[in-house]
Amino acid sequence: MDDVLSILLSNEPLKLPEGDYKVNRLSEGMGGDVIFRIRALREDRITEIFRLHDEDADVFLVLAGVISPDLKNQSLLDKYNASTPAELVKAMLIPGEIRALVRQITSLCGIGLDTIEEVKKN
């Protein structure tokens, strides 16, 4: 196990996984690819979101996981007549799109995936 410790100590911590996802309905309706850049979230952030925003947890997971577009951009808020980023998410995206983004964010977090495996000793 000392080999594992030396591996972990000799390398930089890995960045959170990221990915790009096209929102089909917006892309078709806007005449160009609408691509959301999202990233995984740390456990403490996910726990905090569920603790603070139980009913709207999906919306706040999207807000926390979306890197681009900037969902706090004032011009975008104005365009969708939204006074908060949470209102923007609800105005711009339909429920299935919100849930699809949440699935991708949680997938990047490793939730629901086989992220570890048992090592058989010979």
PDB file of N, CA and C in Angstrom:
ATOM      1  N   MET A   1       0.811  -1.204   0.000  1.00  0.00           N
ATOM      2  CA  MET A   1       0.000   0.000   0.000  1.00  0.00           C
ATOM      3  C   MET A   1       0.849   1.261   0.000  1.00  0.00           C
ATOM      4  N   ASP A   2       2.104   1.163   0.395  1.00  0.00           N
ATOM      5  CA  ASP A   2       2.968   2.335   0.365  1.00  0.00           C
ATOM      6  C   ASP A   2       3.142   2.844  -1.058  1.00  0.00           C
ATOM      7  N   ASP A   3       3.048   1.924  -2.049  1.00  0.00           N
ATOM      8  CA  ASP A   3       3.134   2.336  -3.452  1.00  0.00           C
ATOM      9  C   ASP A   3       1.975   3.259  -3.810  1.00  0.00           C
ATOM     10  N   VAL A   4       0.796   2.956  -3.294  1.00  0.00           N
ATOM     11  CA  VAL A   4      -0.374   3.788  -3.574  1.00  0.00           C
ATOM     12  C   VAL A   4      -0.185   5.158  -2.965  1.00  0.00           C
ATOM     13  N   LEU A   5       0.305   5.227  -1.740  1.00  0.00           N
ATOM     14  CA  LEU A   5       0.545   6.510  -1.084  1.00  0.00           C
ATOM     15  C   LEU A   5       1.548   7.336  -1.872  1.00  0.00           C
ATOM     16  N   SER A   6       2.617   6.709  -2.338  1.00  0.00           N
ATOM     17  CA  SER A   6       3.617   7.460  -3.110  1.00  0.00           C
ATOM     18  C   SER A   6       3.045   7.939  -4.441  1.00  0.00           C
ATOM     19  N   ILE A   7       2.177   7.144  -5.062  1.00  0.00           N
ATOM     20  CA  ILE A   7       1.524   7.570  -6.306  1.00  0.00           C
ATOM     21  C   ILE A   7       0.662   8.795  -6.036  1.00  0.00           C
ATOM     22  N   LEU A   8      -0.145   8.722  -4.981  1.00  0.00           N
ATOM     23  CA  LEU A   8      -1.042   9.837  -4.660  1.00  0.00           C
ATOM     24  C   LEU A   8      -0.282  11.098  -4.277  1.00  0.00           C
ATOM     25  N   LEU A   9       0.826  10.939  -3.582  1.00  0.00           N
ATOM     26  CA  LEU A   9       1.601  12.100  -3.145  1.00  0.00           C
ATOM     27  C   LEU A   9       2.476  12.691  -4.248  1.00  0.00           C
ATOM     28  N   SER A  10       2.837  11.895  -5.239  1.00  0.00           N
ATOM     29  CA  SER A  10       3.762  12.376  -6.262  1.00  0.00           C
ATOM     30  C   SER A  10       3.065  13.018  -7.456  1.00  0.00           C
ATOM     31  N   ASN A  11       1.748  13.012  -7.458  1.00  0.00           N
ATOM     32  CA  ASN A  11       1.007  13.589  -8.586  1.00  0.00           C
ATOM     33  C   ASN A  11       0.105  14.707  -8.105  1.00  0.00           C
ATOM     34  N   GLU A  12      -0.233  15.599  -9.028  1.00  0.00           N
ATOM     35  CA  GLU A  12      -1.187  16.663  -8.722  1.00  0.00           C
ATOM     36  C   GLU A  12      -2.576  16.067  -8.579  1.00  0.00           C
ATOM     37  N   PRO A  13      -3.410  16.616  -7.683  1.00  0.00           N
ATOM     38  CA  PRO A  13      -4.793  16.138  -7.609  1.00  0.00           C
ATOM     39  C   PRO A  13      -5.482  16.304  -8.964  1.00  0.00           C
ATOM     40  N   LEU A  14      -6.319  15.348  -9.312  1.00  0.00           N
ATOM     41  CA  LEU A  14      -7.021  15.403 -10.593  1.00  0.00           C
ATOM     42  C   LEU A  14      -8.116  16.455 -10.550  1.00  0.00           C
ATOM     43  N   LYS A  15      -8.337  17.106 -11.678  1.00  0.00           N
ATOM     44  CA  LYS A  15      -9.436  18.060 -11.790  1.00  0.00           C
ATOM     45  C   LYS A  15     -10.747  17.293 -11.882  1.00  0.00           C
ATOM     46  N   LEU A  16     -11.829  17.965 -11.525  1.00  0.00           N
ATOM     47  CA  LEU A  16     -13.148  17.360 -11.652  1.00  0.00           C
ATOM     48  C   LEU A  16     -13.456  17.105 -13.126  1.00  0.00           C
ATOM     49  N   PRO A  17     -14.068  15.978 -13.453  1.00  0.00           N
ATOM     50  CA  PRO A  17     -14.407  15.684 -14.844  1.00  0.00           C
ATOM     51  C   PRO A  17     -15.380  16.723 -15.410  1.00  0.00           C
ATOM     52  N   GLU A  18     -15.237  17.004 -16.700  1.00  0.00           N
ATOM     53  CA  GLU A  18     -16.103  17.940 -17.408  1.00  0.00           C
ATOM     54  C   GLU A  18     -16.557  17.316 -18.716  1.00  0.00           C
ATOM     55  N   GLY A  19     -17.623  17.867 -19.278  1.00  0.00           N
ATOM     56  CA  GLY A  19     -18.103  17.401 -20.570  1.00  0.00           C
ATOM     57  C   GLY A  19     -19.001  18.427 -21.228  1.00  0.00           C
ATOM     58  N   ASP A  20     -19.155  18.302 -22.537  1.00  0.00           N
ATOM     59  CA  ASP A  20     -20.007  19.192 -23.324  1.00  0.00           C
ATOM     60  C   ASP A  20     -21.238  18.436 -23.786  1.00  0.00           C
ATOM     61  N   TYR A  21     -22.416  19.067 -23.625  1.00  0.00           N
ATOM     62  CA  TYR A  21     -23.686  18.430 -23.977  1.00  0.00           C
ATOM     63  C   TYR A  21     -24.575  19.413 -24.721  1.00  0.00           C
ATOM     64  N   LYS A  22     -25.031  18.981 -25.880  1.00  0.00           N
ATOM     65  CA  LYS A  22     -25.902  19.812 -26.713  1.00  0.00           C
ATOM     66  C   LYS A  22     -27.344  19.657 -26.254  1.00  0.00           C
ATOM     67  N   VAL A  23     -28.030  20.797 -26.091  1.00  0.00           N
ATOM     68  CA  VAL A  23     -29.451  20.788 -25.750  1.00  0.00           C
ATOM     69  C   VAL A  23     -30.193  20.842 -27.085  1.00  0.00           C
ATOM     70  N   ASN A  24     -30.751  19.713 -27.494  1.00  0.00           N
ATOM     71  CA  ASN A  24     -31.320  19.567 -28.836  1.00  0.00           C
ATOM     72  C   ASN A  24     -32.438  20.561 -29.132  1.00  0.00           C
ATOM     73  N   ARG A  25     -33.388  20.705 -28.235  1.00  0.00           N
ATOM     74  CA  ARG A  25     -34.524  21.593 -28.492  1.00  0.00           C
ATOM     75  C   ARG A  25     -34.058  23.037 -28.685  1.00  0.00           C
ATOM     76  N   LEU A  26     -33.165  23.492 -27.819  1.00  0.00           N
ATOM     77  CA  LEU A  26     -32.660  24.862 -27.960  1.00  0.00           C
ATOM     78  C   LEU A  26     -31.836  25.008 -29.238  1.00  0.00           C
ATOM     79  N   SER A  27     -31.046  24.012 -29.554  1.00  0.00           N
ATOM     80  CA  SER A  27     -30.224  24.072 -30.763  1.00  0.00           C
ATOM     81  C   SER A  27     -31.086  24.176 -32.013  1.00  0.00           C
ATOM     82  N   GLU A  28     -32.130  23.361 -32.070  1.00  0.00           N
ATOM     83  CA  GLU A  28     -33.032  23.401 -33.232  1.00  0.00           C
ATOM     84  C   GLU A  28     -33.788  24.717 -33.302  1.00  0.00           C
ATOM     85  N   GLY A  29     -34.252  25.213 -32.181  1.00  0.00           N
ATOM     86  CA  GLY A  29     -35.051  26.431 -32.151  1.00  0.00           C
ATOM     87  C   GLY A  29     -34.252  27.708 -32.313  1.00  0.00           C
ATOM     88  N   MET A  30     -32.977  27.676 -31.955  1.00  0.00           N
ATOM     89  CA  MET A  30     -32.139  28.878 -32.007  1.00  0.00           C
ATOM     90  C   MET A  30     -31.306  28.943 -33.284  1.00  0.00           C
ATOM     91  N   GLY A  31     -31.287  27.878 -34.052  1.00  0.00           N
ATOM     92  CA  GLY A  31     -30.539  27.901 -35.306  1.00  0.00           C
ATOM     93  C   GLY A  31     -29.045  27.718 -35.151  1.00  0.00           C
ATOM     94  N   GLY A  32     -28.597  27.200 -34.043  1.00  0.00           N
ATOM     95  CA  GLY A  32     -27.178  26.936 -33.814  1.00  0.00           C
ATOM     96  C   GLY A  32     -27.031  26.036 -32.614  1.00  0.00           C
ATOM     97  N   ASP A  33     -25.905  25.370 -32.523  1.00  0.00           N
ATOM     98  CA  ASP A  33     -25.700  24.436 -31.419  1.00  0.00           C
ATOM     99  C   ASP A  33     -25.642  25.170 -30.084  1.00  0.00           C
ATOM    100  N   VAL A  34     -26.513  24.772 -29.176  1.00  0.00           N
ATOM    101  CA  VAL A  34     -26.511  25.291 -27.809  1.00  0.00           C
ATOM    102  C   VAL A  34     -25.891  24.194 -26.951  1.00  0.00           C
ATOM    103  N   ILE A  35     -24.637  24.416 -26.604  1.00  0.00           N
ATOM    104  CA  ILE A  35     -23.857  23.408 -25.892  1.00  0.00           C
ATOM    105  C   ILE A  35     -23.567  23.890 -24.481  1.00  0.00           C
ATOM    106  N   PHE A  36     -23.905  23.032 -23.534  1.00  0.00           N
ATOM    107  CA  PHE A  36     -23.638  23.328 -22.131  1.00  0.00           C
ATOM    108  C   PHE A  36     -22.375  22.597 -21.716  1.00  0.00           C
ATOM    109  N   ARG A  37     -21.441  23.308 -21.132  1.00  0.00           N
ATOM    110  CA  ARG A  37     -20.239  22.694 -20.539  1.00  0.00           C
ATOM    111  C   ARG A  37     -20.560  22.460 -19.078  1.00  0.00           C
ATOM    112  N   ILE A  38     -20.471  21.207 -18.651  1.00  0.00           N
ATOM    113  CA  ILE A  38     -20.787  20.887 -17.265  1.00  0.00           C
ATOM    114  C   ILE A  38     -19.612  20.186 -16.607  1.00  0.00           C
ATOM    115  N   ARG A  39     -19.650  20.177 -15.278  1.00  0.00           N
ATOM    116  CA  ARG A  39     -18.582  19.519 -14.525  1.00  0.00           C
ATOM    117  C   ARG A  39     -19.176  18.740 -13.358  1.00  0.00           C
ATOM    118  N   ALA A  40     -18.399  17.794 -12.877  1.00  0.00           N
ATOM    119  CA  ALA A  40     -18.779  17.039 -11.685  1.00  0.00           C
ATOM    120  C   ALA A  40     -18.753  17.966 -10.478  1.00  0.00           C
ATOM    121  N   LEU A  41     -19.469  17.582  -9.444  1.00  0.00           N
ATOM    122  CA  LEU A  41     -19.492  18.339  -8.196  1.00  0.00           C
ATOM    123  C   LEU A  41     -18.918  17.479  -7.078  1.00  0.00           C
ATOM    124  N   ARG A  42     -18.354  18.126  -6.108  1.00  0.00           N
ATOM    125  CA  ARG A  42     -17.839  17.410  -4.936  1.00  0.00           C
ATOM    126  C   ARG A  42     -19.008  17.030  -4.022  1.00  0.00           C
ATOM    127  N   GLU A  43     -18.800  16.018  -3.221  1.00  0.00           N
ATOM    128  CA  GLU A  43     -19.827  15.497  -2.322  1.00  0.00           C
ATOM    129  C   GLU A  43     -20.400  16.578  -1.407  1.00  0.00           C
ATOM    130  N   ASP A  44     -19.547  17.422  -0.837  1.00  0.00           N
ATOM    131  CA  ASP A  44     -20.041  18.439   0.082  1.00  0.00           C
ATOM    132  C   ASP A  44     -20.963  19.437  -0.608  1.00  0.00           C
ATOM    133  N   ARG A  45     -20.694  19.725  -1.869  1.00  0.00           N
ATOM    134  CA  ARG A  45     -21.550  20.656  -2.620  1.00  0.00           C
ATOM    135  C   ARG A  45     -22.910  20.023  -2.915  1.00  0.00           C
ATOM    136  N   ILE A  46     -22.930  18.760  -3.289  1.00  0.00           N
ATOM    137  CA  ILE A  46     -24.189  18.067  -3.550  1.00  0.00           C
ATOM    138  C   ILE A  46     -25.025  18.008  -2.270  1.00  0.00           C
ATOM    139  N   THR A  47     -24.398  17.674  -1.159  1.00  0.00           N
ATOM    140  CA  THR A  47     -25.096  17.611   0.126  1.00  0.00           C
ATOM    141  C   THR A  47     -25.675  18.969   0.494  1.00  0.00           C
ATOM    142  N   GLU A  48     -24.897  20.011   0.292  1.00  0.00           N
ATOM    143  CA  GLU A  48     -25.362  21.364   0.605  1.00  0.00           C
ATOM    144  C   GLU A  48     -26.570  21.748  -0.251  1.00  0.00           C
ATOM    145  N   ILE A  49     -26.529  21.418  -1.523  1.00  0.00           N
ATOM    146  CA  ILE A  49     -27.647  21.743  -2.420  1.00  0.00           C
ATOM    147  C   ILE A  49     -28.920  21.046  -1.946  1.00  0.00           C
ATOM    148  N   PHE A  50     -28.840  19.781  -1.617  1.00  0.00           N
ATOM    149  CA  PHE A  50     -30.033  19.064  -1.153  1.00  0.00           C
ATOM    150  C   PHE A  50     -30.510  19.586   0.196  1.00  0.00           C
ATOM    151  N   ARG A  51     -29.589  20.025   1.045  1.00  0.00           N
ATOM    152  CA  ARG A  51     -29.973  20.553   2.358  1.00  0.00           C
ATOM    153  C   ARG A  51     -30.666  21.906   2.223  1.00  0.00           C
ATOM    154  N   LEU A  52     -30.163  22.758   1.344  1.00  0.00           N
ATOM    155  CA  LEU A  52     -30.703  24.117   1.214  1.00  0.00           C
ATOM    156  C   LEU A  52     -31.867  24.229   0.244  1.00  0.00           C
ATOM    157  N   HIS A  53     -31.918  23.371  -0.771  1.00  0.00           N
ATOM    158  CA  HIS A  53     -32.875  23.539  -1.872  1.00  0.00           C
ATOM    159  C   HIS A  53     -33.595  22.233  -2.181  1.00  0.00           C
ATOM    160  N   ASP A  54     -34.150  21.621  -1.182  1.00  0.00           N
ATOM    161  CA  ASP A  54     -34.750  20.299  -1.345  1.00  0.00           C
ATOM    162  C   ASP A  54     -35.710  20.227  -2.530  1.00  0.00           C
ATOM    163  N   GLU A  55     -36.670  21.138  -2.609  1.00  0.00           N
ATOM    164  CA  GLU A  55     -37.671  21.082  -3.694  1.00  0.00           C
ATOM    165  C   GLU A  55     -37.087  21.398  -5.063  1.00  0.00           C
ATOM    166  N   ASP A  56     -36.153  22.331  -5.128  1.00  0.00           N
ATOM    167  CA  ASP A  56     -35.561  22.740  -6.400  1.00  0.00           C
ATOM    168  C   ASP A  56     -34.138  22.226  -6.557  1.00  0.00           C
ATOM    169  N   ALA A  57     -33.825  21.089  -5.952  1.00  0.00           N
ATOM    170  CA  ALA A  57     -32.457  20.572  -5.978  1.00  0.00           C
ATOM    171  C   ALA A  57     -31.937  20.408  -7.404  1.00  0.00           C
ATOM    172  N   ASP A  58     -32.781  19.915  -8.306  1.00  0.00           N
ATOM    173  CA  ASP A  58     -32.323  19.731  -9.693  1.00  0.00           C
ATOM    174  C   ASP A  58     -31.874  21.046 -10.312  1.00  0.00           C
ATOM    175  N   VAL A  59     -32.643  22.086 -10.098  1.00  0.00           N
ATOM    176  CA  VAL A  59     -32.303  23.409 -10.658  1.00  0.00           C
ATOM    177  C   VAL A  59     -30.959  23.878 -10.098  1.00  0.00           C
ATOM    178  N   PHE A  60     -30.755  23.706  -8.799  1.00  0.00           N
ATOM    179  CA  PHE A  60     -29.515  24.176  -8.184  1.00  0.00           C
ATOM    180  C   PHE A  60     -28.336  23.268  -8.505  1.00  0.00           C
ATOM    181  N   LEU A  61     -28.583  21.993  -8.793  1.00  0.00           N
ATOM    182  CA  LEU A  61     -27.510  21.128  -9.293  1.00  0.00           C
ATOM    183  C   LEU A  61     -27.070  21.600 -10.673  1.00  0.00           C
ATOM    184  N   VAL A  62     -28.022  21.988 -11.515  1.00  0.00           N
ATOM    185  CA  VAL A  62     -27.685  22.539 -12.829  1.00  0.00           C
ATOM    186  C   VAL A  62     -26.874  23.818 -12.662  1.00  0.00           C
ATOM    187  N   LEU A  63     -27.323  24.700 -11.789  1.00  0.00           N
ATOM    188  CA  LEU A  63     -26.592  25.956 -11.574  1.00  0.00           C
ATOM    189  C   LEU A  63     -25.162  25.708 -11.102  1.00  0.00           C
ATOM    190  N   ALA A  64     -24.990  24.720 -10.230  1.00  0.00           N
ATOM    191  CA  ALA A  64     -23.659  24.425  -9.709  1.00  0.00           C
ATOM    192  C   ALA A  64     -22.788  23.691 -10.725  1.00  0.00           C
ATOM    193  N   GLY A  65     -23.401  22.867 -11.569  1.00  0.00           N
ATOM    194  CA  GLY A  65     -22.635  22.038 -12.489  1.00  0.00           C
ATOM    195  C   GLY A  65     -22.364  22.642 -13.846  1.00  0.00           C
ATOM    196  N   VAL A  66     -23.137  23.646 -14.247  1.00  0.00           N
ATOM    197  CA  VAL A  66     -22.949  24.253 -15.574  1.00  0.00           C
ATOM    198  C   VAL A  66     -21.842  25.300 -15.503  1.00  0.00           C
ATOM    199  N   ILE A  67     -20.831  25.109 -16.321  1.00  0.00           N
ATOM    200  CA  ILE A  67     -19.727  26.061 -16.430  1.00  0.00           C
ATOM    201  C   ILE A  67     -20.066  27.120 -17.481  1.00  0.00           C
ATOM    202  N   SER A  68     -20.630  26.657 -18.579  1.00  0.00           N
ATOM    203  CA  SER A  68     -20.961  27.536 -19.696  1.00  0.00           C
ATOM    204  C   SER A  68     -22.232  27.025 -20.348  1.00  0.00           C
ATOM    205  N   PRO A  69     -23.164  27.872 -20.700  1.00  0.00           N
ATOM    206  CA  PRO A  69     -23.142  29.323 -20.631  1.00  0.00           C
ATOM    207  C   PRO A  69     -23.215  29.811 -19.183  1.00  0.00           C
ATOM    208  N   ASP A  70     -22.836  31.065 -18.983  1.00  0.00           N
ATOM    209  CA  ASP A  70     -22.882  31.692 -17.663  1.00  0.00           C
ATOM    210  C   ASP A  70     -24.341  31.965 -17.308  1.00  0.00           C
ATOM    211  N   LEU A  71     -24.892  31.152 -16.429  1.00  0.00           N
ATOM    212  CA  LEU A  71     -26.303  31.264 -16.072  1.00  0.00           C
ATOM    213  C   LEU A  71     -26.578  32.408 -15.095  1.00  0.00           C
ATOM    214  N   LYS A  72     -25.530  33.172 -14.779  1.00  0.00           N
ATOM    215  CA  LYS A  72     -25.686  34.363 -13.938  1.00  0.00           C
ATOM    216  C   LYS A  72     -25.536  35.637 -14.761  1.00  0.00           C
ATOM    217  N   ASN A  73     -25.349  35.472 -16.068  1.00  0.00           N
ATOM    218  CA  ASN A  73     -25.160  36.610 -16.957  1.00  0.00           C
ATOM    219  C   ASN A  73     -26.411  37.486 -16.990  1.00  0.00           C
ATOM    220  N   GLN A  74     -26.242  38.768 -16.710  1.00  0.00           N
ATOM    221  CA  GLN A  74     -27.383  39.667 -16.605  1.00  0.00           C
ATOM    222  C   GLN A  74     -28.146  39.796 -17.923  1.00  0.00           C
ATOM    223  N   SER A  75     -27.459  39.811 -19.046  1.00  0.00           N
ATOM    224  CA  SER A  75     -28.139  39.897 -20.341  1.00  0.00           C
ATOM    225  C   SER A  75     -29.020  38.680 -20.584  1.00  0.00           C
ATOM    226  N   LEU A  76     -28.523  37.508 -20.195  1.00  0.00           N
ATOM    227  CA  LEU A  76     -29.301  36.280 -20.346  1.00  0.00           C
ATOM    228  C   LEU A  76     -30.501  36.288 -19.392  1.00  0.00           C
ATOM    229  N   LEU A  77     -30.291  36.746 -18.174  1.00  0.00           N
ATOM    230  CA  LEU A  77     -31.399  36.875 -17.218  1.00  0.00           C
ATOM    231  C   LEU A  77     -32.470  37.805 -17.784  1.00  0.00           C
ATOM    232  N   ASP A  78     -32.036  38.942 -18.332  1.00  0.00           N
ATOM    233  CA  ASP A  78     -32.982  39.917 -18.899  1.00  0.00           C
ATOM    234  C   ASP A  78     -33.739  39.326 -20.080  1.00  0.00           C
ATOM    235  N   LYS A  79     -33.035  38.615 -20.961  1.00  0.00           N
ATOM    236  CA  LYS A  79     -33.643  38.014 -22.149  1.00  0.00           C
ATOM    237  C   LYS A  79     -34.806  37.092 -21.787  1.00  0.00           C
ATOM    238  N   TYR A  80     -34.663  36.357 -20.687  1.00  0.00           N
ATOM    239  CA  TYR A  80     -35.688  35.398 -20.262  1.00  0.00           C
ATOM    240  C   TYR A  80     -36.568  35.933 -19.124  1.00  0.00           C
ATOM    241  N   ASN A  81     -36.483  37.253 -18.886  1.00  0.00           N
ATOM    242  CA  ASN A  81     -37.275  37.894 -17.827  1.00  0.00           C
ATOM    243  C   ASN A  81     -37.140  37.159 -16.497  1.00  0.00           C
ATOM    244  N   ALA A  82     -35.927  36.801 -16.150  1.00  0.00           N
ATOM    245  CA  ALA A  82     -35.657  36.073 -14.916  1.00  0.00           C
ATOM    246  C   ALA A  82     -34.912  36.986 -13.946  1.00  0.00           C
ATOM    247  N   SER A  83     -35.350  37.003 -12.714  1.00  0.00           N
ATOM    248  CA  SER A  83     -34.678  37.850 -11.732  1.00  0.00           C
ATOM    249  C   SER A  83     -33.554  37.110 -11.003  1.00  0.00           C
ATOM    250  N   THR A  84     -33.541  35.775 -11.099  1.00  0.00           N
ATOM    251  CA  THR A  84     -32.481  34.981 -10.473  1.00  0.00           C
ATOM    252  C   THR A  84     -32.009  33.907 -11.455  1.00  0.00           C
ATOM    253  N   PRO A  85     -30.813  33.397 -11.249  1.00  0.00           N
ATOM    254  CA  PRO A  85     -30.355  32.293 -12.094  1.00  0.00           C
ATOM    255  C   PRO A  85     -31.281  31.069 -12.020  1.00  0.00           C
ATOM    256  N   ALA A  86     -31.861  30.791 -10.857  1.00  0.00           N
ATOM    257  CA  ALA A  86     -32.788  29.649 -10.748  1.00  0.00           C
ATOM    258  C   ALA A  86     -34.007  29.867 -11.628  1.00  0.00           C
ATOM    259  N   GLU A  87     -34.524  31.085 -11.648  1.00  0.00           N
ATOM    260  CA  GLU A  87     -35.658  31.399 -12.526  1.00  0.00           C
ATOM    261  C   GLU A  87     -35.254  31.262 -13.992  1.00  0.00           C
ATOM    262  N   LEU A  88     -34.017  31.628 -14.314  1.00  0.00           N
ATOM    263  CA  LEU A  88     -33.525  31.494 -15.686  1.00  0.00           C
ATOM    264  C   LEU A  88     -33.528  30.032 -16.121  1.00  0.00           C
ATOM    265  N   VAL A  89     -33.014  29.157 -15.280  1.00  0.00           N
ATOM    266  CA  VAL A  89     -32.980  27.725 -15.616  1.00  0.00           C
ATOM    267  C   VAL A  89     -34.393  27.233 -15.903  1.00  0.00           C
ATOM    268  N   LYS A  90     -35.345  27.616 -15.063  1.00  0.00           N
ATOM    269  CA  LYS A  90     -36.731  27.173 -15.232  1.00  0.00           C
ATOM    270  C   LYS A  90     -37.383  27.792 -16.470  1.00  0.00           C
ATOM    271  N   ALA A  91     -36.971  29.003 -16.833  1.00  0.00           N
ATOM    272  CA  ALA A  91     -37.553  29.675 -17.994  1.00  0.00           C
ATOM    273  C   ALA A  91     -36.933  29.190 -19.308  1.00  0.00           C
ATOM    274  N   MET A  92     -35.660  28.877 -19.287  1.00  0.00           N
ATOM    275  CA  MET A  92     -34.941  28.526 -20.510  1.00  0.00           C
ATOM    276  C   MET A  92     -35.050  27.041 -20.842  1.00  0.00           C
ATOM    277  N   LEU A  93     -35.084  26.203 -19.814  1.00  0.00           N
ATOM    278  CA  LEU A  93     -35.066  24.759 -20.014  1.00  0.00           C
ATOM    279  C   LEU A  93     -36.393  24.144 -19.594  1.00  0.00           C
ATOM    280  N   ILE A  94     -36.794  23.105 -20.299  1.00  0.00           N
ATOM    281  CA  ILE A  94     -37.989  22.370 -19.901  1.00  0.00           C
ATOM    282  C   ILE A  94     -37.563  21.292 -18.887  1.00  0.00           C
ATOM    283  N   PRO A  95     -38.507  20.758 -18.112  1.00  0.00           N
ATOM    284  CA  PRO A  95     -38.144  19.819 -17.044  1.00  0.00           C
ATOM    285  C   PRO A  95     -37.271  18.637 -17.486  1.00  0.00           C
ATOM    286  N   GLY A  96     -37.552  18.070 -18.640  1.00  0.00           N
ATOM    287  CA  GLY A  96     -36.745  16.938 -19.102  1.00  0.00           C
ATOM    288  C   GLY A  96     -35.304  17.330 -19.385  1.00  0.00           C
ATOM    289  N   GLU A  97     -35.098  18.551 -19.864  1.00  0.00           N
ATOM    290  CA  GLU A  97     -33.723  19.025 -20.121  1.00  0.00           C
ATOM    291  C   GLU A  97     -32.981  19.241 -18.809  1.00  0.00           C
ATOM    292  N   ILE A  98     -33.678  19.788 -17.818  1.00  0.00           N
ATOM    293  CA  ILE A  98     -33.064  19.986 -16.504  1.00  0.00           C
ATOM    294  C   ILE A  98     -32.641  18.635 -15.937  1.00  0.00           C
ATOM    295  N   ARG A  99     -33.545  17.666 -15.993  1.00  0.00           N
ATOM    296  CA  ARG A  99     -33.229  16.335 -15.453  1.00  0.00           C
ATOM    297  C   ARG A  99     -32.109  15.652 -16.246  1.00  0.00           C
ATOM    298  N   ALA A 100     -32.085  15.862 -17.551  1.00  0.00           N
ATOM    299  CA  ALA A 100     -31.018  15.274 -18.374  1.00  0.00           C
ATOM    300  C   ALA A 100     -29.657  15.871 -17.999  1.00  0.00           C
ATOM    301  N   LEU A 101     -29.614  17.175 -17.767  1.00  0.00           N
ATOM    302  CA  LEU A 101     -28.361  17.800 -17.332  1.00  0.00           C
ATOM    303  C   LEU A 101     -27.951  17.279 -15.958  1.00  0.00           C
ATOM    304  N   VAL A 102     -28.910  17.127 -15.060  1.00  0.00           N
ATOM    305  CA  VAL A 102     -28.606  16.578 -13.736  1.00  0.00           C
ATOM    306  C   VAL A 102     -28.046  15.166 -13.869  1.00  0.00           C
ATOM    307  N   ARG A 103     -28.639  14.345 -14.734  1.00  0.00           N
ATOM    308  CA  ARG A 103     -28.126  12.973 -14.946  1.00  0.00           C
ATOM    309  C   ARG A 103     -26.683  13.006 -15.432  1.00  0.00           C
ATOM    310  N   GLN A 104     -26.376  13.924 -16.328  1.00  0.00           N
ATOM    311  CA  GLN A 104     -25.006  14.004 -16.843  1.00  0.00           C
ATOM    312  C   GLN A 104     -24.047  14.512 -15.773  1.00  0.00           C
ATOM    313  N   ILE A 105     -24.478  15.493 -14.978  1.00  0.00           N
ATOM    314  CA  ILE A 105     -23.633  16.005 -13.891  1.00  0.00           C
ATOM    315  C   ILE A 105     -23.348  14.890 -12.893  1.00  0.00           C
ATOM    316  N   THR A 106     -24.382  14.172 -12.487  1.00  0.00           N
ATOM    317  CA  THR A 106     -24.175  13.097 -11.516  1.00  0.00           C
ATOM    318  C   THR A 106     -23.366  11.946 -12.124  1.00  0.00           C
ATOM    319  N   SER A 107     -23.526  11.716 -13.413  1.00  0.00           N
ATOM    320  CA  SER A 107     -22.719  10.707 -14.086  1.00  0.00           C
ATOM    321  C   SER A 107     -21.238  11.101 -14.041  1.00  0.00           C
ATOM    322  N   LEU A 108     -20.946  12.382 -14.278  1.00  0.00           N
ATOM    323  CA  LEU A 108     -19.565  12.859 -14.178  1.00  0.00           C
ATOM    324  C   LEU A 108     -19.031  12.708 -12.755  1.00  0.00           C
ATOM    325  N   CYS A 109     -19.938  12.744 -11.768  1.00  0.00           N
ATOM    326  CA  CYS A 109     -19.559  12.536 -10.362  1.00  0.00           C
ATOM    327  C   CYS A 109     -19.302  11.063 -10.059  1.00  0.00           C
ATOM    328  N   GLY A 110     -19.656  10.195 -10.984  1.00  0.00           N
ATOM    329  CA  GLY A 110     -19.463   8.766 -10.777  1.00  0.00           C
ATOM    330  C   GLY A 110     -20.679   8.078 -10.177  1.00  0.00           C
ATOM    331  N   ILE A 111     -21.761   8.819  -9.983  1.00  0.00           N
ATOM    332  CA  ILE A 111     -22.967   8.237  -9.398  1.00  0.00           C
ATOM    333  C   ILE A 111     -23.627   7.328 -10.440  1.00  0.00           C
ATOM    334  N   GLY A 112     -23.875   6.112 -10.036  1.00  0.00           N
ATOM    335  CA  GLY A 112     -24.510   5.151 -10.930  1.00  0.00           C
ATOM    336  C   GLY A 112     -23.545   4.450 -11.870  1.00  0.00           C
ATOM    337  N   LEU A 113     -22.278   4.700 -11.721  1.00  0.00           N
ATOM    338  CA  LEU A 113     -21.275   4.069 -12.586  1.00  0.00           C
ATOM    339  C   LEU A 113     -20.406   3.117 -11.772  1.00  0.00           C
ATOM    340  N   ASP A 114     -19.793   2.192 -12.443  1.00  0.00           N
ATOM    341  CA  ASP A 114     -18.828   1.321 -11.782  1.00  0.00           C
ATOM    342  C   ASP A 114     -17.493   2.052 -11.741  1.00  0.00           C
ATOM    343  N   THR A 115     -17.251   2.780 -10.646  1.00  0.00           N
ATOM    344  CA  THR A 115     -16.052   3.606 -10.554  1.00  0.00           C
ATOM    345  C   THR A 115     -14.923   2.935  -9.793  1.00  0.00           C
ATOM    346  N   ILE A 116     -15.237   1.829  -9.127  1.00  0.00           N
ATOM    347  CA  ILE A 116     -14.192   1.072  -8.444  1.00  0.00           C
ATOM    348  C   ILE A 116     -14.390  -0.401  -8.766  1.00  0.00           C
ATOM    349  N   GLU A 117     -13.352  -1.181  -8.576  1.00  0.00           N
ATOM    350  CA  GLU A 117     -13.463  -2.615  -8.803  1.00  0.00           C
ATOM    351  C   GLU A 117     -12.638  -3.365  -7.772  1.00  0.00           C
ATOM    352  N   GLU A 118     -13.103  -4.537  -7.436  1.00  0.00           N
ATOM    353  CA  GLU A 118     -12.383  -5.377  -6.477  1.00  0.00           C
ATOM    354  C   GLU A 118     -11.118  -5.906  -7.139  1.00  0.00           C
ATOM    355  N   VAL A 119     -10.046  -5.901  -6.387  1.00  0.00           N
ATOM    356  CA  VAL A 119      -8.781  -6.446  -6.871  1.00  0.00           C
ATOM    357  C   VAL A 119      -8.602  -7.821  -6.248  1.00  0.00           C
ATOM    358  N   LYS A 120      -8.504  -8.816  -7.089  1.00  0.00           N
ATOM    359  CA  LYS A 120      -8.321 -10.211  -6.629  1.00  0.00           C
ATOM    360  C   LYS A 120      -6.836 -10.439  -6.373  1.00  0.00           C
ATOM    361  N   LYS A 121      -6.548 -10.994  -5.197  1.00  0.00           N
ATOM    362  CA  LYS A 121      -5.150 -11.306  -4.869  1.00  0.00           C
ATOM    363  C   LYS A 121      -4.823 -12.692  -5.377  1.00  0.00           C
ATOM    364  N   ASN A 122      -3.659 -12.812  -5.983  1.00  0.00           N
ATOM    365  CA  ASN A 122      -3.224 -14.118  -6.509  1.00  0.00           C
ATOM    366  C   ASN A 122      -2.566 -14.936  -5.450  1.00  0.00           C
TER     367      ASN A 122
END
